[in-house]
């Protein structure tokens, strides 16, 4: 389990280096992204703790839209929480694979509303 304190320590360790490697810069960006999402989502201090249970309406729950492993895993989950996870993943993807990220964004922009 990763805690806010672990993230802060790793961030300070990398920031304290005079010359960071590209890999360390990517890790630093990922640590900041994770920390920001922990703060913004008001999630528990560790990933292993369950978030508080809230009443769910049909609109706030992800429906069953396919047979892939991903769609099966998110079916029935709180939509807002799933979107926060996807958003954080996309932030990391943008840093690590910018061309792939740009392709995904173009595909989504091309979808009909």
C-alpha atoms as a PDB file:
ATOM      1  CA  UNK A   1       0.000   0.000   0.000  1.00  0.00           C
ATOM      2  CA  UNK A   2       1.225   3.460  -0.841  1.00  0.00           C
ATOM      3  CA  UNK A   3       0.522   6.325   1.528  1.00  0.00           C
ATOM      4  CA  UNK A   4       0.563  10.073   1.090  1.00  0.00           C
ATOM      5  CA  UNK A   5       3.701  10.131   3.219  1.00  0.00           C
ATOM      6  CA  UNK A   6       5.446   7.627   0.904  1.00  0.00           C
ATOM      7  CA  UNK A   7       4.578   9.804  -2.094  1.00  0.00           C
ATOM      8  CA  UNK A   8       5.824  12.971  -0.395  1.00  0.00           C
ATOM      9  CA  UNK A   9       9.117  11.273   0.549  1.00  0.00           C
ATOM     10  CA  UNK A  10       9.721  10.022  -2.989  1.00  0.00           C
ATOM     11  CA  UNK A  11       8.844  13.424  -4.469  1.00  0.00           C
ATOM     12  CA  UNK A  12      11.274  15.216  -2.140  1.00  0.00           C
ATOM     13  CA  UNK A  13      13.995  12.629  -2.801  1.00  0.00           C
ATOM     14  CA  UNK A  14      13.818  13.092  -6.584  1.00  0.00           C
ATOM     15  CA  UNK A  15      13.413  16.874  -6.351  1.00  0.00           C
ATOM     16  CA  UNK A  16      16.509  17.039  -4.124  1.00  0.00           C
ATOM     17  CA  UNK A  17      18.764  15.556  -6.801  1.00  0.00           C
ATOM     18  CA  UNK A  18      20.825  17.977  -8.856  1.00  0.00           C
ATOM     19  CA  UNK A  19      20.408  16.157 -12.190  1.00  0.00           C
ATOM     20  CA  UNK A  20      17.336  13.977 -12.558  1.00  0.00           C
ATOM     21  CA  UNK A  21      17.273  11.272 -15.220  1.00  0.00           C
ATOM     22  CA  UNK A  22      14.364  11.149 -17.684  1.00  0.00           C
ATOM     23  CA  UNK A  23      13.074   8.060 -15.851  1.00  0.00           C
ATOM     24  CA  UNK A  24      13.112   9.938 -12.544  1.00  0.00           C
ATOM     25  CA  UNK A  25      11.201  12.822 -14.139  1.00  0.00           C
ATOM     26  CA  UNK A  26       8.523  10.405 -15.349  1.00  0.00           C
ATOM     27  CA  UNK A  27       8.314   8.829 -11.882  1.00  0.00           C
ATOM     28  CA  UNK A  28       8.100  12.290 -10.317  1.00  0.00           C
ATOM     29  CA  UNK A  29       5.224  13.224 -12.610  1.00  0.00           C
ATOM     30  CA  UNK A  30       3.450   9.966 -11.780  1.00  0.00           C
ATOM     31  CA  UNK A  31       3.924  10.567  -8.036  1.00  0.00           C
ATOM     32  CA  UNK A  32       2.467  14.068  -8.366  1.00  0.00           C
ATOM     33  CA  UNK A  33      -0.484  12.721 -10.366  1.00  0.00           C
ATOM     34  CA  UNK A  34      -1.238  10.032  -7.806  1.00  0.00           C
ATOM     35  CA  UNK A  35      -0.923  12.495  -4.924  1.00  0.00           C
ATOM     36  CA  UNK A  36      -3.162  15.046  -6.646  1.00  0.00           C
ATOM     37  CA  UNK A  37      -5.824  12.433  -7.261  1.00  0.00           C
ATOM     38  CA  UNK A  38      -5.632  11.250  -3.668  1.00  0.00           C
ATOM     39  CA  UNK A  39      -6.125  14.843  -2.499  1.00  0.00           C
ATOM     40  CA  UNK A  40      -8.785  15.804  -5.036  1.00  0.00           C
ATOM     41  CA  UNK A  41     -10.859  12.650  -4.695  1.00  0.00           C
ATOM     42  CA  UNK A  42     -10.728  12.719  -0.910  1.00  0.00           C
ATOM     43  CA  UNK A  43      -9.829   9.042  -0.934  1.00  0.00           C
ATOM     44  CA  UNK A  44      -8.409   7.233   2.088  1.00  0.00           C
ATOM     45  CA  UNK A  45      -4.696   7.733   2.832  1.00  0.00           C
ATOM     46  CA  UNK A  46      -3.852   4.268   1.427  1.00  0.00           C
ATOM     47  CA  UNK A  47      -5.087   2.458  -1.647  1.00  0.00           C
ATOM     48  CA  UNK A  48      -5.943  -0.649   0.368  1.00  0.00           C
ATOM     49  CA  UNK A  49      -8.659   1.061   2.420  1.00  0.00           C
ATOM     50  CA  UNK A  50     -12.176   0.935   1.034  1.00  0.00           C
ATOM     51  CA  UNK A  51     -13.790   4.287   0.214  1.00  0.00           C
ATOM     52  CA  UNK A  52     -16.943   5.170   2.122  1.00  0.00           C
ATOM     53  CA  UNK A  53     -20.120   3.555   0.811  1.00  0.00           C
ATOM     54  CA  UNK A  54     -22.654   5.975  -0.663  1.00  0.00           C
ATOM     55  CA  UNK A  55     -26.088   5.472  -2.143  1.00  0.00           C
ATOM     56  CA  UNK A  56     -25.882   4.892  -5.889  1.00  0.00           C
ATOM     57  CA  UNK A  57     -28.395   5.943  -8.472  1.00  0.00           C
ATOM     58  CA  UNK A  58     -28.687   4.253 -11.841  1.00  0.00           C
ATOM     59  CA  UNK A  59     -27.115   7.283 -13.551  1.00  0.00           C
ATOM     60  CA  UNK A  60     -24.023   7.220 -11.330  1.00  0.00           C
ATOM     61  CA  UNK A  61     -23.202   3.552 -11.962  1.00  0.00           C
ATOM     62  CA  UNK A  62     -21.281   2.258 -14.978  1.00  0.00           C
ATOM     63  CA  UNK A  63     -23.451  -0.004 -17.103  1.00  0.00           C
ATOM     64  CA  UNK A  64     -22.510  -3.284 -18.726  1.00  0.00           C
ATOM     65  CA  UNK A  65     -21.330  -2.260 -22.203  1.00  0.00           C
ATOM     66  CA  UNK A  66     -19.255  -5.165 -23.473  1.00  0.00           C
ATOM     67  CA  UNK A  67     -17.331  -8.341 -22.816  1.00  0.00           C
ATOM     68  CA  UNK A  68     -13.727  -7.145 -22.379  1.00  0.00           C
ATOM     69  CA  UNK A  69     -12.015  -7.619 -19.034  1.00  0.00           C
ATOM     70  CA  UNK A  70     -11.931  -3.844 -18.507  1.00  0.00           C
ATOM     71  CA  UNK A  71     -15.647  -3.354 -19.173  1.00  0.00           C
ATOM     72  CA  UNK A  72     -16.483  -6.340 -16.980  1.00  0.00           C
ATOM     73  CA  UNK A  73     -14.408  -4.931 -14.087  1.00  0.00           C
ATOM     74  CA  UNK A  74     -15.974  -1.441 -14.183  1.00  0.00           C
ATOM     75  CA  UNK A  75     -19.585  -2.611 -14.653  1.00  0.00           C
ATOM     76  CA  UNK A  76     -21.602  -1.634 -11.594  1.00  0.00           C
ATOM     77  CA  UNK A  77     -18.899   0.664 -10.182  1.00  0.00           C
ATOM     78  CA  UNK A  78     -19.427   4.318  -9.294  1.00  0.00           C
ATOM     79  CA  UNK A  79     -18.960   6.218 -12.587  1.00  0.00           C
ATOM     80  CA  UNK A  80     -17.291   9.282 -11.043  1.00  0.00           C
ATOM     81  CA  UNK A  81     -14.693   7.143  -9.294  1.00  0.00           C
ATOM     82  CA  UNK A  82     -14.000   5.149 -12.470  1.00  0.00           C
ATOM     83  CA  UNK A  83     -13.541   8.387 -14.452  1.00  0.00           C
ATOM     84  CA  UNK A  84     -11.038   9.663 -11.867  1.00  0.00           C
ATOM     85  CA  UNK A  85      -8.979   6.496 -12.260  1.00  0.00           C
ATOM     86  CA  UNK A  86      -9.117   6.765 -16.050  1.00  0.00           C
ATOM     87  CA  UNK A  87      -8.193  10.459 -15.907  1.00  0.00           C
ATOM     88  CA  UNK A  88      -5.126   9.717 -13.790  1.00  0.00           C
ATOM     89  CA  UNK A  89      -4.160   6.916 -16.148  1.00  0.00           C
ATOM     90  CA  UNK A  90      -4.498   9.247 -19.123  1.00  0.00           C
ATOM     91  CA  UNK A  91      -2.264  11.829 -17.367  1.00  0.00           C
ATOM     92  CA  UNK A  92       0.412   9.160 -16.963  1.00  0.00           C
ATOM     93  CA  UNK A  93      -0.064   7.978 -20.555  1.00  0.00           C
ATOM     94  CA  UNK A  94       0.357  11.563 -21.784  1.00  0.00           C
ATOM     95  CA  UNK A  95       3.737  11.761 -20.044  1.00  0.00           C
ATOM     96  CA  UNK A  96       5.010   8.325 -20.980  1.00  0.00           C
ATOM     97  CA  UNK A  97       3.511   7.829 -24.471  1.00  0.00           C
ATOM     98  CA  UNK A  98       2.509  11.249 -25.830  1.00  0.00           C
ATOM     99  CA  UNK A  99       1.884  10.029 -29.401  1.00  0.00           C
ATOM    100  CA  UNK A 100      -0.392   7.224 -28.241  1.00  0.00           C
ATOM    101  CA  UNK A 101      -2.194   9.645 -25.909  1.00  0.00           C
ATOM    102  CA  UNK A 102      -2.726  12.107 -28.793  1.00  0.00           C
ATOM    103  CA  UNK A 103      -4.184   9.293 -30.907  1.00  0.00           C
ATOM    104  CA  UNK A 104      -6.666   8.377 -28.183  1.00  0.00           C
ATOM    105  CA  UNK A 105      -7.696  12.021 -27.803  1.00  0.00           C
ATOM    106  CA  UNK A 106      -8.226  12.322 -31.589  1.00  0.00           C
ATOM    107  CA  UNK A 107     -10.414   9.204 -31.596  1.00  0.00           C
ATOM    108  CA  UNK A 108     -12.544  10.524 -28.750  1.00  0.00           C
ATOM    109  CA  UNK A 109     -12.854  13.956 -30.382  1.00  0.00           C
ATOM    110  CA  UNK A 110     -14.078  12.237 -33.551  1.00  0.00           C
ATOM    111  CA  UNK A 111     -16.907  10.416 -31.798  1.00  0.00           C
ATOM    112  CA  UNK A 112     -20.472  11.474 -32.478  1.00  0.00           C
ATOM    113  CA  UNK A 113     -22.314  12.940 -29.502  1.00  0.00           C
END
